[in-house]
PDB file of N, CA and C in Angstrom:
ATOM      1  N   MET A   1       0.848  -1.174   0.000  1.00  0.00           N
ATOM      2  CA  MET A   1       0.000   0.000   0.000  1.00  0.00           C
ATOM      3  C   MET A   1       0.895   1.239   0.000  1.00  0.00           C
ATOM      4  N   LYS A   2       0.532   2.209  -0.842  1.00  0.00           N
ATOM      5  CA  LYS A   2       1.295   3.448  -0.888  1.00  0.00           C
ATOM      6  C   LYS A   2       0.384   4.599  -1.286  1.00  0.00           C
ATOM      7  N   VAL A   3       0.922   5.807  -1.257  1.00  0.00           N
ATOM      8  CA  VAL A   3       0.148   6.980  -1.638  1.00  0.00           C
ATOM      9  C   VAL A   3      -0.402   6.745  -3.041  1.00  0.00           C
ATOM     10  N   GLY A   4      -1.690   6.989  -3.216  1.00  0.00           N
ATOM     11  CA  GLY A   4      -2.351   6.763  -4.495  1.00  0.00           C
ATOM     12  C   GLY A   4      -3.077   5.442  -4.579  1.00  0.00           C
ATOM     13  N   SER A   5      -2.821   4.523  -3.653  1.00  0.00           N
ATOM     14  CA  SER A   5      -3.511   3.231  -3.662  1.00  0.00           C
ATOM     15  C   SER A   5      -5.007   3.424  -3.422  1.00  0.00           C
ATOM     16  N   LEU A   6      -5.808   2.593  -4.107  1.00  0.00           N
ATOM     17  CA  LEU A   6      -7.238   2.540  -3.820  1.00  0.00           C
ATOM     18  C   LEU A   6      -7.434   1.511  -2.721  1.00  0.00           C
ATOM     19  N   VAL A   7      -8.198   1.897  -1.691  1.00  0.00           N
ATOM     20  CA  VAL A   7      -8.420   1.021  -0.545  1.00  0.00           C
ATOM     21  C   VAL A   7      -9.901   0.990  -0.203  1.00  0.00           C
ATOM     22  N   GLU A   8     -10.310  -0.097   0.439  1.00  0.00           N
ATOM     23  CA  GLU A   8     -11.688  -0.243   0.907  1.00  0.00           C
ATOM     24  C   GLU A   8     -11.666  -0.383   2.418  1.00  0.00           C
ATOM     25  N   LEU A   9     -12.545   0.339   3.109  1.00  0.00           N
ATOM     26  CA  LEU A   9     -12.648   0.193   4.561  1.00  0.00           C
ATOM     27  C   LEU A   9     -13.346  -1.126   4.867  1.00  0.00           C
ATOM     28  N   VAL A  10     -12.711  -1.971   5.683  1.00  0.00           N
ATOM     29  CA  VAL A  10     -13.290  -3.265   6.035  1.00  0.00           C
ATOM     30  C   VAL A  10     -13.623  -3.374   7.523  1.00  0.00           C
ATOM     31  N   ASP A  11     -13.156  -2.435   8.329  1.00  0.00           N
ATOM     32  CA  ASP A  11     -13.396  -2.462   9.775  1.00  0.00           C
ATOM     33  C   ASP A  11     -13.791  -1.066  10.239  1.00  0.00           C
ATOM     34  N   ASP A  12     -15.073  -0.907  10.579  1.00  0.00           N
ATOM     35  CA  ASP A  12     -15.543   0.402  11.049  1.00  0.00           C
ATOM     36  C   ASP A  12     -15.967   0.376  12.510  1.00  0.00           C
ATOM     37  N   ASN A  13     -15.349  -0.502  13.294  1.00  0.00           N
ATOM     38  CA  ASN A  13     -15.640  -0.572  14.728  1.00  0.00           C
ATOM     39  C   ASN A  13     -14.794   0.451  15.475  1.00  0.00           C
ATOM     40  N   TRP A  14     -15.200   1.727  15.401  1.00  0.00           N
ATOM     41  CA  TRP A  14     -14.451   2.809  16.048  1.00  0.00           C
ATOM     42  C   TRP A  14     -14.654   2.732  17.558  1.00  0.00           C
ATOM     43  N   LEU A  15     -13.580   2.839  18.324  1.00  0.00           N
ATOM     44  CA  LEU A  15     -13.685   2.830  19.784  1.00  0.00           C
ATOM     45  C   LEU A  15     -14.464   4.037  20.276  1.00  0.00           C
ATOM     46  N   GLU A  16     -14.233   5.154  19.628  1.00  0.00           N
ATOM     47  CA  GLU A  16     -14.990   6.370  19.921  1.00  0.00           C
ATOM     48  C   GLU A  16     -15.025   7.207  18.661  1.00  0.00           C
ATOM     49  N   LYS A  17     -16.048   8.032  18.548  1.00  0.00           N
ATOM     50  CA  LYS A  17     -16.152   8.935  17.406  1.00  0.00           C
ATOM     51  C   LYS A  17     -16.096  10.363  17.936  1.00  0.00           C
ATOM     52  N   HIS A  18     -15.195  11.134  17.358  1.00  0.00           N
ATOM     53  CA  HIS A  18     -15.051  12.525  17.758  1.00  0.00           C
ATOM     54  C   HIS A  18     -16.073  13.378  17.006  1.00  0.00           C
ATOM     55  N   PRO A  19     -16.658  14.358  17.696  1.00  0.00           N
ATOM     56  CA  PRO A  19     -17.597  15.234  16.995  1.00  0.00           C
ATOM     57  C   PRO A  19     -16.868  16.067  15.935  1.00  0.00           C
ATOM     58  N   ASN A  20     -17.583  16.455  14.907  1.00  0.00           N
ATOM     59  CA  ASN A  20     -17.051  17.288  13.820  1.00  0.00           C
ATOM     60  C   ASN A  20     -15.936  16.606  13.028  1.00  0.00           C
ATOM     61  N   VAL A  21     -15.873  15.283  13.074  1.00  0.00           N
ATOM     62  CA  VAL A  21     -14.871  14.527  12.324  1.00  0.00           C
ATOM     63  C   VAL A  21     -15.605  13.599  11.368  1.00  0.00           C
ATOM     64  N   LYS A  22     -15.140  13.562  10.111  1.00  0.00           N
ATOM     65  CA  LYS A  22     -15.694  12.634   9.124  1.00  0.00           C
ATOM     66  C   LYS A  22     -14.933  11.321   9.227  1.00  0.00           C
ATOM     67  N   TYR A  23     -15.663  10.225   9.171  1.00  0.00           N
ATOM     68  CA  TYR A  23     -15.070   8.889   9.228  1.00  0.00           C
ATOM     69  C   TYR A  23     -15.356   8.142   7.928  1.00  0.00           C
ATOM     70  N   PRO A  24     -14.443   7.275   7.510  1.00  0.00           N
ATOM     71  CA  PRO A  24     -14.733   6.452   6.342  1.00  0.00           C
ATOM     72  C   PRO A  24     -15.883   5.485   6.645  1.00  0.00           C
ATOM     73  N   VAL A  25     -16.537   5.035   5.587  1.00  0.00           N
ATOM     74  CA  VAL A  25     -17.689   4.147   5.702  1.00  0.00           C
ATOM     75  C   VAL A  25     -17.306   2.768   5.178  1.00  0.00           C
ATOM     76  N   LYS A  26     -17.664   1.749   5.934  1.00  0.00           N
ATOM     77  CA  LYS A  26     -17.342   0.368   5.558  1.00  0.00           C
ATOM     78  C   LYS A  26     -17.893   0.059   4.168  1.00  0.00           C
ATOM     79  N   GLY A  27     -17.030  -0.551   3.324  1.00  0.00           N
ATOM     80  CA  GLY A  27     -17.420  -0.941   1.988  1.00  0.00           C
ATOM     81  C   GLY A  27     -17.172   0.127   0.932  1.00  0.00           C
ATOM     82  N   LYS A  28     -16.902   1.362   1.343  1.00  0.00           N
ATOM     83  CA  LYS A  28     -16.616   2.422   0.373  1.00  0.00           C
ATOM     84  C   LYS A  28     -15.147   2.404  -0.019  1.00  0.00           C
ATOM     85  N   ILE A  29     -14.870   2.946  -1.208  1.00  0.00           N
ATOM     86  CA  ILE A  29     -13.509   2.961  -1.737  1.00  0.00           C
ATOM     87  C   ILE A  29     -12.925   4.359  -1.601  1.00  0.00           C
ATOM     88  N   TYR A  30     -11.668   4.401  -1.179  1.00  0.00           N
ATOM     89  CA  TYR A  30     -10.961   5.661  -0.930  1.00  0.00           C
ATOM     90  C   TYR A  30      -9.576   5.615  -1.569  1.00  0.00           C
ATOM     91  N   THR A  31      -8.949   6.780  -1.643  1.00  0.00           N
ATOM     92  CA  THR A  31      -7.599   6.911  -2.182  1.00  0.00           C
ATOM     93  C   THR A  31      -6.668   7.350  -1.062  1.00  0.00           C
ATOM     94  N   VAL A  32      -5.532   6.660  -0.910  1.00  0.00           N
ATOM     95  CA  VAL A  32      -4.570   7.005   0.137  1.00  0.00           C
ATOM     96  C   VAL A  32      -3.895   8.334  -0.218  1.00  0.00           C
ATOM     97  N   ARG A  33      -3.954   9.285   0.713  1.00  0.00           N
ATOM     98  CA  ARG A  33      -3.337  10.607   0.544  1.00  0.00           C
ATOM     99  C   ARG A  33      -1.949  10.663   1.166  1.00  0.00           C
ATOM    100  N   ASP A  34      -1.784  10.021   2.325  1.00  0.00           N
ATOM    101  CA  ASP A  34      -0.503  10.077   3.044  1.00  0.00           C
ATOM    102  C   ASP A  34      -0.524   9.032   4.153  1.00  0.00           C
ATOM    103  N   PHE A  35       0.644   8.800   4.735  1.00  0.00           N
ATOM    104  CA  PHE A  35       0.799   7.853   5.845  1.00  0.00           C
ATOM    105  C   PHE A  35       1.497   8.535   7.012  1.00  0.00           C
ATOM    106  N   GLU A  36       1.368   7.934   8.184  1.00  0.00           N
ATOM    107  CA  GLU A  36       2.134   8.337   9.358  1.00  0.00           C
ATOM    108  C   GLU A  36       2.204   7.154  10.309  1.00  0.00           C
ATOM    109  N   ILE A  37       3.140   7.218  11.212  1.00  0.00           N
ATOM    110  CA  ILE A  37       3.139   6.323  12.373  1.00  0.00           C
ATOM    111  C   ILE A  37       2.573   7.177  13.489  1.00  0.00           C
ATOM    112  N   ASP A  38       1.426   6.766  14.021  1.00  0.00           N
ATOM    113  CA  ASP A  38       0.760   7.626  14.995  1.00  0.00           C
ATOM    114  C   ASP A  38       1.452   7.577  16.357  1.00  0.00           C
ATOM    115  N   ASP A  39       0.870   8.273  17.307  1.00  0.00           N
ATOM    116  CA  ASP A  39       1.480   8.380  18.631  1.00  0.00           C
ATOM    117  C   ASP A  39       1.480   7.070  19.412  1.00  0.00           C
ATOM    118  N   TYR A  40       0.775   6.070  18.916  1.00  0.00           N
ATOM    119  CA  TYR A  40       0.783   4.741  19.532  1.00  0.00           C
ATOM    120  C   TYR A  40       1.624   3.764  18.717  1.00  0.00           C
ATOM    121  N   ASP A  41       2.469   4.301  17.814  1.00  0.00           N
ATOM    122  CA  ASP A  41       3.336   3.503  16.940  1.00  0.00           C
ATOM    123  C   ASP A  41       2.567   2.593  15.993  1.00  0.00           C
ATOM    124  N   GLU A  42       1.360   2.992  15.621  1.00  0.00           N
ATOM    125  CA  GLU A  42       0.541   2.251  14.664  1.00  0.00           C
ATOM    126  C   GLU A  42       0.621   2.921  13.298  1.00  0.00           C
ATOM    127  N   PRO A  43       0.810   2.167  12.219  1.00  0.00           N
ATOM    128  CA  PRO A  43       0.757   2.776  10.890  1.00  0.00           C
ATOM    129  C   PRO A  43      -0.668   3.232  10.593  1.00  0.00           C
ATOM    130  N   SER A  44      -0.766   4.480  10.185  1.00  0.00           N
ATOM    131  CA  SER A  44      -2.064   5.096   9.922  1.00  0.00           C
ATOM    132  C   SER A  44      -2.023   5.819   8.588  1.00  0.00           C
ATOM    133  N   LEU A  45      -3.201   6.092   8.054  1.00  0.00           N
ATOM    134  CA  LEU A  45      -3.246   6.762   6.765  1.00  0.00           C
ATOM    135  C   LEU A  45      -4.255   7.902   6.757  1.00  0.00           C
ATOM    136  N   TYR A  46      -4.071   8.766   5.762  1.00  0.00           N
ATOM    137  CA  TYR A  46      -4.994   9.856   5.472  1.00  0.00           C
ATOM    138  C   TYR A  46      -5.595   9.572   4.110  1.00  0.00           C
ATOM    139  N   LEU A  47      -6.834  10.010   3.899  1.00  0.00           N
ATOM    140  CA  LEU A  47      -7.551   9.735   2.666  1.00  0.00           C
ATOM    141  C   LEU A  47      -7.803  11.003   1.872  1.00  0.00           C
ATOM    142  N   VAL A  48      -7.708  10.901   0.555  1.00  0.00           N
ATOM    143  CA  VAL A  48      -7.979  12.035  -0.327  1.00  0.00           C
ATOM    144  C   VAL A  48      -9.410  12.530  -0.117  1.00  0.00           C
ATOM    145  N   GLU A  49     -10.337  11.613   0.026  1.00  0.00           N
ATOM    146  CA  GLU A  49     -11.755  11.945   0.085  1.00  0.00           C
ATOM    147  C   GLU A  49     -12.211  12.494   1.432  1.00  0.00           C
ATOM    148  N   ILE A  50     -11.375  12.345   2.457  1.00  0.00           N
ATOM    149  CA  ILE A  50     -11.741  12.835   3.792  1.00  0.00           C
ATOM    150  C   ILE A  50     -10.599  13.685   4.331  1.00  0.00           C
ATOM    151  N   ILE A  51     -10.867  14.973   4.484  1.00  0.00           N
ATOM    152  CA  ILE A  51      -9.894  15.889   5.085  1.00  0.00           C
ATOM    153  C   ILE A  51     -10.561  16.504   6.298  1.00  0.00           C
ATOM    154  N   ASN A  52     -10.066  16.127   7.464  1.00  0.00           N
ATOM    155  CA  ASN A  52     -10.638  16.606   8.718  1.00  0.00           C
ATOM    156  C   ASN A  52      -9.843  17.779   9.262  1.00  0.00           C
ATOM    157  N   PRO A  53     -10.461  18.576  10.133  1.00  0.00           N
ATOM    158  CA  PRO A  53      -9.732  19.691  10.738  1.00  0.00           C
ATOM    159  C   PRO A  53      -8.645  19.180  11.689  1.00  0.00           C
ATOM    160  N   VAL A  54      -7.654  20.010  11.910  1.00  0.00           N
ATOM    161  CA  VAL A  54      -6.625  19.681  12.903  1.00  0.00           C
ATOM    162  C   VAL A  54      -7.290  19.707  14.267  1.00  0.00           C
ATOM    163  N   MET A  55      -7.025  18.665  15.047  1.00  0.00           N
ATOM    164  CA  MET A  55      -7.641  18.544  16.372  1.00  0.00           C
ATOM    165  C   MET A  55      -6.601  18.793  17.454  1.00  0.00           C
ATOM    166  N   LYS A  56      -7.065  19.280  18.564  1.00  0.00           N
ATOM    167  CA  LYS A  56      -6.204  19.491  19.738  1.00  0.00           C
ATOM    168  C   LYS A  56      -6.320  18.249  20.615  1.00  0.00           C
ATOM    169  N   TRP A  57      -5.200  17.572  20.815  1.00  0.00           N
ATOM    170  CA  TRP A  57      -5.164  16.348  21.626  1.00  0.00           C
ATOM    171  C   TRP A  57      -4.535  16.677  22.979  1.00  0.00           C
ATOM    172  N   ASP A  58      -5.013  16.042  24.031  1.00  0.00           N
ATOM    173  CA  ASP A  58      -4.502  16.314  25.378  1.00  0.00           C
ATOM    174  C   ASP A  58      -3.033  15.934  25.542  1.00  0.00           C
ATOM    175  N   ASP A  59      -2.673  14.745  25.078  1.00  0.00           N
ATOM    176  CA  ASP A  59      -1.334  14.209  25.342  1.00  0.00           C
ATOM    177  C   ASP A  59      -0.399  14.237  24.135  1.00  0.00           C
ATOM    178  N   PHE A  60      -0.915  14.636  22.967  1.00  0.00           N
ATOM    179  CA  PHE A  60      -0.128  14.524  21.750  1.00  0.00           C
ATOM    180  C   PHE A  60      -0.134  15.830  20.971  1.00  0.00           C
ATOM    181  N   GLU A  61       0.684  15.870  19.937  1.00  0.00           N
ATOM    182  CA  GLU A  61       0.763  17.030  19.065  1.00  0.00           C
ATOM    183  C   GLU A  61      -0.561  17.215  18.315  1.00  0.00           C
ATOM    184  N   ASP A  62      -0.962  18.459  18.105  1.00  0.00           N
ATOM    185  CA  ASP A  62      -2.175  18.743  17.349  1.00  0.00           C
ATOM    186  C   ASP A  62      -2.035  18.194  15.932  1.00  0.00           C
ATOM    187  N   SER A  63      -3.072  17.524  15.444  1.00  0.00           N
ATOM    188  CA  SER A  63      -2.998  16.937  14.098  1.00  0.00           C
ATOM    189  C   SER A  63      -4.382  16.546  13.620  1.00  0.00           C
ATOM    190  N   GLU A  64      -4.447  16.290  12.325  1.00  0.00           N
ATOM    191  CA  GLU A  64      -5.666  15.736  11.729  1.00  0.00           C
ATOM    192  C   GLU A  64      -5.774  14.275  12.160  1.00  0.00           C
ATOM    193  N   LEU A  65      -6.986  13.809  12.373  1.00  0.00           N
ATOM    194  CA  LEU A  65      -7.205  12.409  12.728  1.00  0.00           C
ATOM    195  C   LEU A  65      -6.848  11.514  11.539  1.00  0.00           C
ATOM    196  N   SER A  66      -6.024  10.514  11.776  1.00  0.00           N
ATOM    197  CA  SER A  66      -5.689   9.525  10.745  1.00  0.00           C
ATOM    198  C   SER A  66      -6.393   8.217  11.097  1.00  0.00           C
ATOM    199  N   PHE A  67      -6.349   7.260  10.175  1.00  0.00           N
ATOM    200  CA  PHE A  67      -7.057   5.997  10.355  1.00  0.00           C
ATOM    201  C   PHE A  67      -6.073   4.840  10.231  1.00  0.00           C
ATOM    202  N   TYR A  68      -6.208   3.856  11.113  1.00  0.00           N
ATOM    203  CA  TYR A  68      -5.286   2.719  11.113  1.00  0.00           C
ATOM    204  C   TYR A  68      -5.319   1.974   9.780  1.00  0.00           C
ATOM    205  N   VAL A  69      -4.133   1.657   9.282  1.00  0.00           N
ATOM    206  CA  VAL A  69      -3.985   0.942   8.024  1.00  0.00           C
ATOM    207  C   VAL A  69      -4.704  -0.406   8.072  1.00  0.00           C
ATOM    208  N   HIS A  70      -4.672  -1.085   9.222  1.00  0.00           N
ATOM    209  CA  HIS A  70      -5.267  -2.431   9.292  1.00  0.00           C
ATOM    210  C   HIS A  70      -6.785  -2.424   9.098  1.00  0.00           C
ATOM    211  N   ARG A  71      -7.415  -1.268   9.105  1.00  0.00           N
ATOM    212  CA  ARG A  71      -8.856  -1.183   8.878  1.00  0.00           C
ATOM    213  C   ARG A  71      -9.214  -1.220   7.381  1.00  0.00           C
ATOM    214  N   PHE A  72      -8.204  -1.192   6.518  1.00  0.00           N
ATOM    215  CA  PHE A  72      -8.418  -1.110   5.077  1.00  0.00           C
ATOM    216  C   PHE A  72      -7.781  -2.291   4.362  1.00  0.00           C
ATOM    217  N   ARG A  73      -8.303  -2.577   3.177  1.00  0.00           N
ATOM    218  CA  ARG A  73      -7.637  -3.536   2.294  1.00  0.00           C
ATOM    219  C   ARG A  73      -7.361  -2.808   0.983  1.00  0.00           C
ATOM    220  N   GLU A  74      -6.187  -3.076   0.444  1.00  0.00           N
ATOM    221  CA  GLU A  74      -5.794  -2.432  -0.802  1.00  0.00           C
ATOM    222  C   GLU A  74      -6.520  -3.101  -1.968  1.00  0.00           C
ATOM    223  N   LEU A  75      -7.113  -2.296  -2.834  1.00  0.00           N
ATOM    224  CA  LEU A  75      -7.795  -2.800  -4.019  1.00  0.00           C
ATOM    225  C   LEU A  75      -6.907  -2.708  -5.241  1.00  0.00           C
ATOM    226  N   GLN A  76      -6.218  -1.573  -5.351  1.00  0.00           N
ATOM    227  CA  GLN A  76      -5.378  -1.357  -6.534  1.00  0.00           C
ATOM    228  C   GLN A  76      -4.243  -0.414  -6.181  1.00  0.00           C
ATOM    229  N   PRO A  77      -3.008  -0.861  -6.377  1.00  0.00           N
ATOM    230  CA  PRO A  77      -1.894   0.059  -6.161  1.00  0.00           C
ATOM    231  C   PRO A  77      -1.887   1.112  -7.272  1.00  0.00           C
ATOM    232  N   PRO A  78      -1.269   2.254  -7.020  1.00  0.00           N
ATOM    233  CA  PRO A  78      -1.218   3.272  -8.071  1.00  0.00           C
ATOM    234  C   PRO A  78      -0.416   2.770  -9.259  1.00  0.00           C
ATOM    235  N   MET A  79      -0.820   3.209 -10.442  1.00  0.00           N
ATOM    236  CA  MET A  79      -0.128   2.812 -11.655  1.00  0.00           C
ATOM    237  C   MET A  79       1.241   3.476 -11.685  1.00  0.00           C
ATOM    238  N   GLU A  80       2.240   2.716 -12.041  1.00  0.00           N
ATOM    239  CA  GLU A  80       3.576   3.283 -12.176  1.00  0.00           C
ATOM    240  C   GLU A  80       3.852   3.503 -13.651  1.00  0.00           C
ATOM    241  N   ILE A  81       4.317   4.697 -13.968  1.00  0.00           N
ATOM    242  CA  ILE A  81       4.591   5.037 -15.352  1.00  0.00           C
ATOM    243  C   ILE A  81       5.842   5.913 -15.386  1.00  0.00           C
ATOM    244  N   SER A  82       6.657   5.706 -16.385  1.00  0.00           N
ATOM    245  CA  SER A  82       7.910   6.458 -16.483  1.00  0.00           C
ATOM    246  C   SER A  82       7.674   7.812 -17.147  1.00  0.00           C
ATOM    247  N   ILE A  83       8.578   8.723 -16.915  1.00  0.00           N
ATOM    248  CA  ILE A  83       8.534  10.041 -17.560  1.00  0.00           C
ATOM    249  C   ILE A  83       8.577   9.867 -19.078  1.00  0.00           C
ATOM    250  N   GLU A  84       9.390   8.936 -19.545  1.00  0.00           N
ATOM    251  CA  GLU A  84       9.517   8.688 -20.973  1.00  0.00           C
ATOM    252  C   GLU A  84       8.169   8.279 -21.577  1.00  0.00           C
ATOM    253  N   ALA A  85       7.424   7.426 -20.898  1.00  0.00           N
ATOM    254  CA  ALA A  85       6.133   6.988 -21.395  1.00  0.00           C
ATOM    255  C   ALA A  85       5.138   8.152 -21.445  1.00  0.00           C
ATOM    256  N   ILE A  86       5.185   9.031 -20.462  1.00  0.00           N
ATOM    257  CA  ILE A  86       4.314  10.210 -20.461  1.00  0.00           C
ATOM    258  C   ILE A  86       4.642  11.109 -21.644  1.00  0.00           C
ATOM    259  N   LEU A  87       5.942  11.334 -21.872  1.00  0.00           N
ATOM    260  CA  LEU A  87       6.360  12.195 -22.988  1.00  0.00           C
ATOM    261  C   LEU A  87       5.945  11.585 -24.329  1.00  0.00           C
ATOM    262  N   GLU A  88       6.050  10.263 -24.440  1.00  0.00           N
ATOM    263  CA  GLU A  88       5.633   9.578 -25.673  1.00  0.00           C
ATOM    264  C   GLU A  88       4.135   9.753 -25.912  1.00  0.00           C
ATOM    265  N   MET A  89       3.327   9.655 -24.861  1.00  0.00           N
ATOM    266  CA  MET A  89       1.873   9.806 -25.010  1.00  0.00           C
ATOM    267  C   MET A  89       1.537  11.239 -25.425  1.00  0.00           C
ATOM    268  N   GLN A  90       2.288  12.214 -24.938  1.00  0.00           N
ATOM    269  CA  GLN A  90       2.020  13.605 -25.280  1.00  0.00           C
ATOM    270  C   GLN A  90       2.367  13.906 -26.733  1.00  0.00           C
ATOM    271  N   GLU A  91       3.335  13.182 -27.282  1.00  0.00           N
ATOM    272  CA  GLU A  91       3.763  13.401 -28.660  1.00  0.00           C
ATOM    273  C   GLU A  91       2.776  12.828 -29.666  1.00  0.00           C
ATOM    274  N   LYS A  92       1.960  11.898 -29.262  1.00  0.00           N
ATOM    275  CA  LYS A  92       1.013  11.239 -30.189  1.00  0.00           C
ATOM    276  C   LYS A  92      -0.202  12.088 -30.426  1.00  0.00           C
TER     277      LYS A  92
END
């Protein structure tokens, strides 16, 4: 899984839901925007389709809420294409 991958949410059992925060919906498809290792050393991701406000956390640095990678399954990795192939397509 990497930035640009299409993923499907398979686990929506949130321990708690924060007000004013958008959450992914089980069975919907999303695009990975970025990754981080969160404050609990868990790999987490951000989604293109969901951009939440920066939240103030009691014990951690202020940040946008991310979602654990293990809650998603990758459907399609991003297509890899070389600069040369792009230039060739533009010339046609």
